[in-house]
Amino acid sequence: MIPSIRSLTLLPLALLTFVSAQYPDELVGTWVSKARAVVTGPDFYDPVADKLKEPQHAGIAYSFTSDGYYEQAFYRSVPNPTTPKCPSAIMQWQHGTYSLPGNGSIVLEPFSVDGRQLLSSPCTFDNAVYTRYDQPELIKAYQAHTDEFHNVPRLDIFKYNGAREQPLYLAYKPPQMLPTQTLNPTASTSEPTSKVKRDMDRGEHEQWRQQMIKGGSFEHNDDLLVPKPMRWDPDRWWWAGFGLIAVGTVMYMLPTKL
């Protein structure tokens, strides 16, 4: 039977879809920076406790599967040229799916509710800031080859702007990764990414409330904690002090003898 024109038209599209769904074996595995301190998987992020684990050294890691999933882990030190004694550190973790558009690039699409970021800036914040992190990424180009010096598999990736990332070396194949699915689903994926994902259970929430109330700065208001009204108005104290200074100045300027 002679195929219809419609089937002939759809055949190249089907072939293109099949080809694009193939992921190169040379990319599959867990790739880590030289220090090998940062590795994807449970050694970097604990999804049960919702906690990032600080490595001994800075570094980055990427993992790719043969069926289109990826995971990445970053631990970077951020210098402060204006105030050298105040450097910062940042940890980031994401996972999701990746695709190969066919032009040599890699497009990373994270599961938006799962990404995490921990920012430590001691000169700015008393405590580290832990938030959700959701950032798609374009790897403009990549090259998998054998490192001539170390004689091990090496992956060179180039950022969206063409800048070369530090070289990565194969650590595991198959890759070391957390489950390739949403680990911490939420009722709504439209919540702002700046909100910390981990929600307290009822017992933890009540304990936190009691501690805040015990501290004397907050009080009950239905299901919320609101700042307790100050017993004295600071503005009134300021004006009172200003008035006393004005009276003292006038008395000082008066002549001592009439």
C-alpha atoms as a PDB file:
ATOM      1  CA  MET A   1       0.000   0.000   0.000  1.00  0.00           C
ATOM      2  CA  ILE A   2       1.316   3.450  -0.897  1.00  0.00           C
ATOM      3  CA  PRO A   3       1.636   5.657   2.226  1.00  0.00           C
ATOM      4  CA  SER A   4      -0.502   8.770   2.365  1.00  0.00           C
ATOM      5  CA  ILE A   5       0.962  12.234   1.997  1.00  0.00           C
ATOM      6  CA  ARG A   6       0.084  12.931   5.647  1.00  0.00           C
ATOM      7  CA  SER A   7       2.064   9.905   6.886  1.00  0.00           C
ATOM      8  CA  LEU A   8       5.047  10.926   4.768  1.00  0.00           C
ATOM      9  CA  THR A   9       4.883  14.411   6.261  1.00  0.00           C
ATOM     10  CA  LEU A  10       4.784  13.119   9.838  1.00  0.00           C
ATOM     11  CA  LEU A  11       7.608  10.605   9.329  1.00  0.00           C
ATOM     12  CA  PRO A  12      10.501  13.133   9.454  1.00  0.00           C
ATOM     13  CA  LEU A  13       8.960  14.714  12.578  1.00  0.00           C
ATOM     14  CA  ALA A  14       8.766  11.325  14.273  1.00  0.00           C
ATOM     15  CA  LEU A  15      12.364  10.564  13.353  1.00  0.00           C
ATOM     16  CA  LEU A  16      13.478  13.968  14.659  1.00  0.00           C
ATOM     17  CA  THR A  17      11.671  13.333  17.957  1.00  0.00           C
ATOM     18  CA  PHE A  18      13.299   9.911  18.269  1.00  0.00           C
ATOM     19  CA  VAL A  19      16.775  11.283  17.575  1.00  0.00           C
ATOM     20  CA  SER A  20      16.382  14.213  19.952  1.00  0.00           C
ATOM     21  CA  ALA A  21      15.310  11.842  22.732  1.00  0.00           C
ATOM     22  CA  GLN A  22      18.704  10.068  22.620  1.00  0.00           C
ATOM     23  CA  TYR A  23      21.182  11.211  25.259  1.00  0.00           C
ATOM     24  CA  PRO A  24      24.896  10.715  24.579  1.00  0.00           C
ATOM     25  CA  ASP A  25      26.571   8.106  26.752  1.00  0.00           C
ATOM     26  CA  GLU A  26      29.653  10.323  27.031  1.00  0.00           C
ATOM     27  CA  LEU A  27      27.612  12.799  29.090  1.00  0.00           C
ATOM     28  CA  VAL A  28      26.132  10.250  31.512  1.00  0.00           C
ATOM     29  CA  GLY A  29      27.631  10.169  35.006  1.00  0.00           C
ATOM     30  CA  THR A  30      28.543  12.370  37.967  1.00  0.00           C
ATOM     31  CA  TRP A  31      31.119  15.026  37.108  1.00  0.00           C
ATOM     32  CA  VAL A  32      32.955  16.862  39.895  1.00  0.00           C
ATOM     33  CA  SER A  33      35.529  19.640  40.137  1.00  0.00           C
ATOM     34  CA  LYS A  34      39.161  18.870  40.948  1.00  0.00           C
ATOM     35  CA  ALA A  35      38.927  18.873  44.764  1.00  0.00           C
ATOM     36  CA  ARG A  36      36.140  16.225  44.598  1.00  0.00           C
ATOM     37  CA  ALA A  37      34.663  17.749  47.775  1.00  0.00           C
ATOM     38  CA  VAL A  38      31.304  18.605  46.191  1.00  0.00           C
ATOM     39  CA  VAL A  39      29.298  15.637  44.879  1.00  0.00           C
ATOM     40  CA  THR A  40      25.624  15.413  43.950  1.00  0.00           C
ATOM     41  CA  GLY A  41      23.290  13.133  45.860  1.00  0.00           C
ATOM     42  CA  PRO A  42      22.642  12.652  49.600  1.00  0.00           C
ATOM     43  CA  ASP A  43      26.165  13.771  50.554  1.00  0.00           C
ATOM     44  CA  PHE A  44      25.224  17.325  49.581  1.00  0.00           C
ATOM     45  CA  TYR A  45      21.470  17.608  50.207  1.00  0.00           C
ATOM     46  CA  ASP A  46      19.226  15.728  52.640  1.00  0.00           C
ATOM     47  CA  PRO A  47      15.631  16.061  51.344  1.00  0.00           C
ATOM     48  CA  VAL A  48      14.121  14.456  54.477  1.00  0.00           C
ATOM     49  CA  ALA A  49      15.660  16.962  56.885  1.00  0.00           C
ATOM     50  CA  ASP A  50      15.627  19.609  54.124  1.00  0.00           C
ATOM     51  CA  LYS A  51      19.246  20.457  54.857  1.00  0.00           C
ATOM     52  CA  LEU A  52      22.305  21.298  52.777  1.00  0.00           C
ATOM     53  CA  LYS A  53      25.525  19.680  54.011  1.00  0.00           C
ATOM     54  CA  GLU A  54      28.559  21.943  53.888  1.00  0.00           C
ATOM     55  CA  PRO A  55      31.557  20.295  52.143  1.00  0.00           C
ATOM     56  CA  GLN A  56      35.132  20.779  53.303  1.00  0.00           C
ATOM     57  CA  HIS A  57      36.107  22.659  50.147  1.00  0.00           C
ATOM     58  CA  ALA A  58      34.406  24.735  47.485  1.00  0.00           C
ATOM     59  CA  GLY A  59      33.524  23.147  44.177  1.00  0.00           C
ATOM     60  CA  ILE A  60      30.764  22.181  41.758  1.00  0.00           C
ATOM     61  CA  ALA A  61      29.218  18.956  40.471  1.00  0.00           C
ATOM     62  CA  TYR A  62      26.823  17.914  37.707  1.00  0.00           C
ATOM     63  CA  SER A  63      25.117  14.573  37.174  1.00  0.00           C
ATOM     64  CA  PHE A  64      23.345  13.430  34.005  1.00  0.00           C
ATOM     65  CA  THR A  65      21.297  10.286  33.419  1.00  0.00           C
ATOM     66  CA  SER A  66      20.739   8.434  30.168  1.00  0.00           C
ATOM     67  CA  ASP A  67      17.019   9.260  30.208  1.00  0.00           C
ATOM     68  CA  GLY A  68      17.096  13.050  30.522  1.00  0.00           C
ATOM     69  CA  TYR A  69      17.483  13.884  34.232  1.00  0.00           C
ATOM     70  CA  TYR A  70      20.172  15.985  35.860  1.00  0.00           C
ATOM     71  CA  GLU A  71      21.313  17.202  39.279  1.00  0.00           C
ATOM     72  CA  GLN A  72      23.744  19.963  40.205  1.00  0.00           C
ATOM     73  CA  ALA A  73      25.499  21.059  43.396  1.00  0.00           C
ATOM     74  CA  PHE A  74      27.477  24.274  43.886  1.00  0.00           C
ATOM     75  CA  TYR A  75      29.533  25.483  46.831  1.00  0.00           C
ATOM     76  CA  ARG A  76      31.281  28.760  46.094  1.00  0.00           C
ATOM     77  CA  SER A  77      33.248  31.314  48.056  1.00  0.00           C
ATOM     78  CA  VAL A  78      32.441  34.925  47.165  1.00  0.00           C
ATOM     79  CA  PRO A  79      35.244  37.413  47.962  1.00  0.00           C
ATOM     80  CA  ASN A  80      34.517  40.967  49.018  1.00  0.00           C
ATOM     81  CA  PRO A  81      37.104  43.296  47.405  1.00  0.00           C
ATOM     82  CA  THR A  82      35.875  46.385  49.267  1.00  0.00           C
ATOM     83  CA  THR A  83      35.908  44.606  52.642  1.00  0.00           C
ATOM     84  CA  PRO A  84      38.316  41.635  52.408  1.00  0.00           C
ATOM     85  CA  LYS A  85      37.525  40.466  55.940  1.00  0.00           C
ATOM     86  CA  CYS A  86      33.863  39.939  54.966  1.00  0.00           C
ATOM     87  CA  PRO A  87      33.749  37.152  52.358  1.00  0.00           C
ATOM     88  CA  SER A  88      30.540  35.227  51.693  1.00  0.00           C
ATOM     89  CA  ALA A  89      29.786  31.616  50.823  1.00  0.00           C
ATOM     90  CA  ILE A  90      26.872  30.213  48.855  1.00  0.00           C
ATOM     91  CA  MET A  91      25.535  26.681  48.429  1.00  0.00           C
ATOM     92  CA  GLN A  92      23.034  25.818  45.700  1.00  0.00           C
ATOM     93  CA  TRP A  93      21.319  22.560  44.783  1.00  0.00           C
ATOM     94  CA  GLN A  94      18.873  21.757  41.981  1.00  0.00           C
ATOM     95  CA  HIS A  95      17.643  18.810  39.971  1.00  0.00           C
ATOM     96  CA  GLY A  96      15.233  18.317  37.105  1.00  0.00           C
ATOM     97  CA  THR A  97      15.293  17.444  33.414  1.00  0.00           C
ATOM     98  CA  TYR A  98      17.688  18.341  30.625  1.00  0.00           C
ATOM     99  CA  SER A  99      17.338  18.497  26.859  1.00  0.00           C
ATOM    100  CA  LEU A 100      19.669  18.739  23.896  1.00  0.00           C
ATOM    101  CA  PRO A 101      18.307  21.204  21.299  1.00  0.00           C
ATOM    102  CA  GLY A 102      20.706  19.864  18.673  1.00  0.00           C
ATOM    103  CA  ASN A 103      23.036  22.855  18.439  1.00  0.00           C
ATOM    104  CA  GLY A 104      25.595  21.518  20.921  1.00  0.00           C
ATOM    105  CA  SER A 105      23.989  23.125  23.968  1.00  0.00           C
ATOM    106  CA  ILE A 106      22.268  21.675  27.042  1.00  0.00           C
ATOM    107  CA  VAL A 107      19.110  23.182  28.536  1.00  0.00           C
ATOM    108  CA  LEU A 108      18.542  22.472  32.233  1.00  0.00           C
ATOM    109  CA  GLU A 109      14.977  22.784  33.565  1.00  0.00           C
ATOM    110  CA  PRO A 110      14.817  22.331  37.366  1.00  0.00           C
ATOM    111  CA  PHE A 111      11.888  21.092  39.443  1.00  0.00           C
ATOM    112  CA  SER A 112      10.972  24.552  40.717  1.00  0.00           C
ATOM    113  CA  VAL A 113       9.844  23.582  44.225  1.00  0.00           C
ATOM    114  CA  ASP A 114      12.912  21.495  45.056  1.00  0.00           C
ATOM    115  CA  GLY A 115      15.862  23.851  44.511  1.00  0.00           C
ATOM    116  CA  ARG A 116      17.661  25.150  47.616  1.00  0.00           C
ATOM    117  CA  GLN A 117      20.137  27.926  48.369  1.00  0.00           C
ATOM    118  CA  LEU A 118      22.103  28.686  51.534  1.00  0.00           C
ATOM    119  CA  LEU A 119      23.808  32.086  51.710  1.00  0.00           C
ATOM    120  CA  SER A 120      26.302  32.822  54.459  1.00  0.00           C
ATOM    121  CA  SER A 121      27.378  36.453  54.820  1.00  0.00           C
ATOM    122  CA  PRO A 122      28.565  36.973  58.432  1.00  0.00           C
ATOM    123  CA  CYS A 123      29.130  40.700  58.069  1.00  0.00           C
ATOM    124  CA  THR A 124      25.575  41.205  56.788  1.00  0.00           C
ATOM    125  CA  PHE A 125      23.436  38.564  58.517  1.00  0.00           C
ATOM    126  CA  ASP A 126      23.790  36.977  61.947  1.00  0.00           C
ATOM    127  CA  ASN A 127      22.537  33.672  60.528  1.00  0.00           C
ATOM    128  CA  ALA A 128      22.787  32.028  57.126  1.00  0.00           C
ATOM    129  CA  VAL A 129      19.793  32.632  54.843  1.00  0.00           C
ATOM    130  CA  TYR A 130      18.157  29.413  53.571  1.00  0.00           C
ATOM    131  CA  THR A 131      15.704  29.793  50.687  1.00  0.00           C
ATOM    132  CA  ARG A 132      14.232  28.050  47.695  1.00  0.00           C
ATOM    133  CA  TYR A 133      16.214  28.359  44.489  1.00  0.00           C
ATOM    134  CA  ASP A 134      14.795  28.020  40.990  1.00  0.00           C
ATOM    135  CA  GLN A 135      17.099  28.920  38.110  1.00  0.00           C
ATOM    136  CA  PRO A 136      16.944  27.293  34.659  1.00  0.00           C
ATOM    137  CA  GLU A 137      20.351  27.124  33.020  1.00  0.00           C
ATOM    138  CA  LEU A 138      21.729  27.134  29.502  1.00  0.00           C
ATOM    139  CA  ILE A 139      25.022  25.365  28.912  1.00  0.00           C
ATOM    140  CA  LYS A 140      26.034  26.896  25.598  1.00  0.00           C
ATOM    141  CA  ALA A 141      28.405  24.063  24.695  1.00  0.00           C
ATOM    142  CA  TYR A 142      30.136  21.079  26.224  1.00  0.00           C
ATOM    143  CA  GLN A 143      33.005  18.763  25.399  1.00  0.00           C
ATOM    144  CA  ALA A 144      33.572  15.306  26.868  1.00  0.00           C
ATOM    145  CA  HIS A 145      37.072  13.957  26.338  1.00  0.00           C
ATOM    146  CA  THR A 146      40.011  12.284  28.096  1.00  0.00           C
ATOM    147  CA  ASP A 147      42.175  14.628  30.139  1.00  0.00           C
ATOM    148  CA  GLU A 148      45.705  14.470  28.706  1.00  0.00           C
ATOM    149  CA  PHE A 149      47.430  15.032  32.048  1.00  0.00           C
ATOM    150  CA  HIS A 150      45.325  12.899  34.409  1.00  0.00           C
ATOM    151  CA  ASN A 151      44.220  10.364  31.761  1.00  0.00           C
ATOM    152  CA  VAL A 152      40.657  10.317  33.092  1.00  0.00           C
ATOM    153  CA  PRO A 153      37.313  11.323  31.517  1.00  0.00           C
ATOM    154  CA  ARG A 154      36.846  15.085  31.621  1.00  0.00           C
ATOM    155  CA  LEU A 155      33.880  17.345  30.886  1.00  0.00           C
ATOM    156  CA  ASP A 156      34.314  20.963  29.818  1.00  0.00           C
ATOM    157  CA  ILE A 157      31.181  23.086  29.897  1.00  0.00           C
ATOM    158  CA  PHE A 158      30.684  26.623  28.680  1.00  0.00           C
ATOM    159  CA  LYS A 159      28.179  28.941  30.332  1.00  0.00           C
ATOM    160  CA  TYR A 160      25.407  30.821  28.516  1.00  0.00           C
ATOM    161  CA  ASN A 161      27.830  33.661  27.756  1.00  0.00           C
ATOM    162  CA  GLY A 162      30.544  31.361  26.432  1.00  0.00           C
ATOM    163  CA  ALA A 163      32.737  31.537  29.545  1.00  0.00           C
ATOM    164  CA  ARG A 164      34.425  28.242  30.397  1.00  0.00           C
ATOM    165  CA  GLU A 165      33.481  26.663  33.733  1.00  0.00           C
ATOM    166  CA  GLN A 166      36.181  24.923  35.755  1.00  0.00           C
ATOM    167  CA  PRO A 167      36.937  21.436  34.401  1.00  0.00           C
ATOM    168  CA  LEU A 168      34.916  18.508  35.704  1.00  0.00           C
ATOM    169  CA  TYR A 169      36.090  14.921  36.082  1.00  0.00           C
ATOM    170  CA  LEU A 170      34.058  11.732  36.065  1.00  0.00           C
ATOM    171  CA  ALA A 171      33.463  10.446  39.598  1.00  0.00           C
ATOM    172  CA  TYR A 172      30.590   7.958  39.167  1.00  0.00           C
ATOM    173  CA  LYS A 173      28.988   6.129  36.283  1.00  0.00           C
ATOM    174  CA  PRO A 174      26.092   5.488  36.626  1.00  0.00           C
ATOM    175  CA  PRO A 175      25.665   8.834  38.393  1.00  0.00           C
ATOM    176  CA  GLN A 176      25.231   9.350  42.132  1.00  0.00           C
ATOM    177  CA  MET A 177      21.943  11.230  42.451  1.00  0.00           C
ATOM    178  CA  LEU A 178      18.839  11.644  44.556  1.00  0.00           C
ATOM    179  CA  PRO A 179      15.566  10.264  43.104  1.00  0.00           C
ATOM    180  CA  THR A 180      14.698  11.892  39.775  1.00  0.00           C
ATOM    181  CA  GLN A 181      11.306  13.184  40.869  1.00  0.00           C
ATOM    182  CA  THR A 182       9.889  16.059  42.891  1.00  0.00           C
ATOM    183  CA  LEU A 183      11.081  15.427  46.446  1.00  0.00           C
ATOM    184  CA  ASN A 184       9.188  18.135  48.336  1.00  0.00           C
ATOM    185  CA  PRO A 185       5.932  18.843  46.481  1.00  0.00           C
ATOM    186  CA  THR A 186       3.810  21.739  47.649  1.00  0.00           C
ATOM    187  CA  ALA A 187       0.116  22.490  47.350  1.00  0.00           C
ATOM    188  CA  SER A 188       0.878  25.358  45.001  1.00  0.00           C
ATOM    189  CA  THR A 189       3.913  25.792  42.771  1.00  0.00           C
ATOM    190  CA  SER A 190       3.181  29.516  42.403  1.00  0.00           C
ATOM    191  CA  GLU A 191       4.549  30.393  45.840  1.00  0.00           C
ATOM    192  CA  PRO A 192       7.460  32.859  45.783  1.00  0.00           C
ATOM    193  CA  THR A 193      10.837  31.160  45.517  1.00  0.00           C
ATOM    194  CA  SER A 194      12.252  33.400  48.252  1.00  0.00           C
ATOM    195  CA  LYS A 195      10.178  31.563  50.860  1.00  0.00           C
ATOM    196  CA  VAL A 196      11.924  28.805  52.754  1.00  0.00           C
ATOM    197  CA  LYS A 197      10.413  25.551  51.583  1.00  0.00           C
ATOM    198  CA  ARG A 198      10.605  23.513  54.766  1.00  0.00           C
ATOM    199  CA  ASP A 199       7.401  23.952  56.733  1.00  0.00           C
ATOM    200  CA  MET A 200       7.338  23.265  60.466  1.00  0.00           C
ATOM    201  CA  ASP A 201       5.030  20.576  61.690  1.00  0.00           C
ATOM    202  CA  ARG A 202       2.407  21.538  64.276  1.00  0.00           C
ATOM    203  CA  GLY A 203       4.599  20.598  67.257  1.00  0.00           C
ATOM    204  CA  GLU A 204       7.607  22.546  65.972  1.00  0.00           C
ATOM    205  CA  HIS A 205       5.429  25.537  65.123  1.00  0.00           C
ATOM    206  CA  GLU A 206       3.884  25.657  68.588  1.00  0.00           C
ATOM    207  CA  GLN A 207       7.297  25.315  70.240  1.00  0.00           C
ATOM    208  CA  TRP A 208       8.593  28.195  68.140  1.00  0.00           C
ATOM    209  CA  ARG A 209       5.565  30.318  69.046  1.00  0.00           C
ATOM    210  CA  GLN A 210       6.038  29.710  72.758  1.00  0.00           C
ATOM    211  CA  GLN A 211       9.718  30.625  72.572  1.00  0.00           C
ATOM    212  CA  MET A 212       8.905  33.894  70.834  1.00  0.00           C
ATOM    213  CA  ILE A 213       6.176  34.711  73.363  1.00  0.00           C
ATOM    214  CA  LYS A 214       8.430  33.786  76.272  1.00  0.00           C
ATOM    215  CA  GLY A 215      11.049  36.168  74.930  1.00  0.00           C
ATOM    216  CA  GLY A 216       8.597  39.007  75.501  1.00  0.00           C
ATOM    217  CA  SER A 217       8.648  40.517  72.012  1.00  0.00           C
ATOM    218  CA  PHE A 218       5.488  38.884  70.605  1.00  0.00           C
ATOM    219  CA  GLU A 219       1.995  38.053  71.732  1.00  0.00           C
ATOM    220  CA  HIS A 220      -0.952  35.956  70.531  1.00  0.00           C
ATOM    221  CA  ASN A 221      -3.367  37.309  67.947  1.00  0.00           C
ATOM    222  CA  ASP A 222      -5.587  34.445  66.749  1.00  0.00           C
ATOM    223  CA  ASP A 223      -3.208  32.123  64.848  1.00  0.00           C
ATOM    224  CA  LEU A 224      -0.542  34.780  64.321  1.00  0.00           C
ATOM    225  CA  LEU A 225       2.281  36.239  66.348  1.00  0.00           C
ATOM    226  CA  VAL A 226       2.396  40.012  66.248  1.00  0.00           C
ATOM    227  CA  PRO A 227       4.909  42.403  67.814  1.00  0.00           C
ATOM    228  CA  LYS A 228       3.937  43.355  71.339  1.00  0.00           C
ATOM    229  CA  PRO A 229       3.138  47.102  71.729  1.00  0.00           C
ATOM    230  CA  MET A 230       5.949  49.020  73.391  1.00  0.00           C
ATOM    231  CA  ARG A 231       5.203  50.281  76.867  1.00  0.00           C
ATOM    232  CA  TRP A 232       6.914  53.567  76.107  1.00  0.00           C
ATOM    233  CA  ASP A 233       6.773  55.439  72.831  1.00  0.00           C
ATOM    234  CA  PRO A 234      10.361  56.103  71.610  1.00  0.00           C
ATOM    235  CA  ASP A 235       9.256  59.262  69.810  1.00  0.00           C
ATOM    236  CA  ARG A 236       8.014  60.747  73.069  1.00  0.00           C
ATOM    237  CA  TRP A 237      11.334  59.988  74.796  1.00  0.00           C
ATOM    238  CA  TRP A 238      13.215  61.637  71.924  1.00  0.00           C
ATOM    239  CA  TRP A 239      11.180  64.844  72.161  1.00  0.00           C
ATOM    240  CA  ALA A 240      11.476  64.840  75.935  1.00  0.00           C
ATOM    241  CA  GLY A 241      15.267  64.583  75.652  1.00  0.00           C
ATOM    242  CA  PHE A 242      15.346  67.316  73.055  1.00  0.00           C
ATOM    243  CA  GLY A 243      13.288  69.569  75.317  1.00  0.00           C
ATOM    244  CA  LEU A 244      15.623  69.021  78.278  1.00  0.00           C
ATOM    245  CA  ILE A 245      18.641  69.859  76.100  1.00  0.00           C
ATOM    246  CA  ALA A 246      16.933  73.064  74.911  1.00  0.00           C
ATOM    247  CA  VAL A 247      16.098  74.125  78.479  1.00  0.00           C
ATOM    248  CA  GLY A 248      19.659  73.417  79.614  1.00  0.00           C
ATOM    249  CA  THR A 249      21.076  75.466  76.742  1.00  0.00           C
ATOM    250  CA  VAL A 250      18.888  78.456  77.593  1.00  0.00           C
ATOM    251  CA  MET A 251      19.804  78.291  81.270  1.00  0.00           C
ATOM    252  CA  TYR A 252      23.502  78.056  80.383  1.00  0.00           C
ATOM    253  CA  MET A 253      23.257  81.203  78.208  1.00  0.00           C
ATOM    254  CA  LEU A 254      21.536  83.266  80.879  1.00  0.00           C
ATOM    255  CA  PRO A 255      23.775  85.724  82.765  1.00  0.00           C
ATOM    256  CA  THR A 256      24.888  84.527  86.225  1.00  0.00           C
ATOM    257  CA  LYS A 257      24.182  87.943  87.816  1.00  0.00           C
ATOM    258  CA  LEU A 258      21.196  90.197  87.276  1.00  0.00           C
END
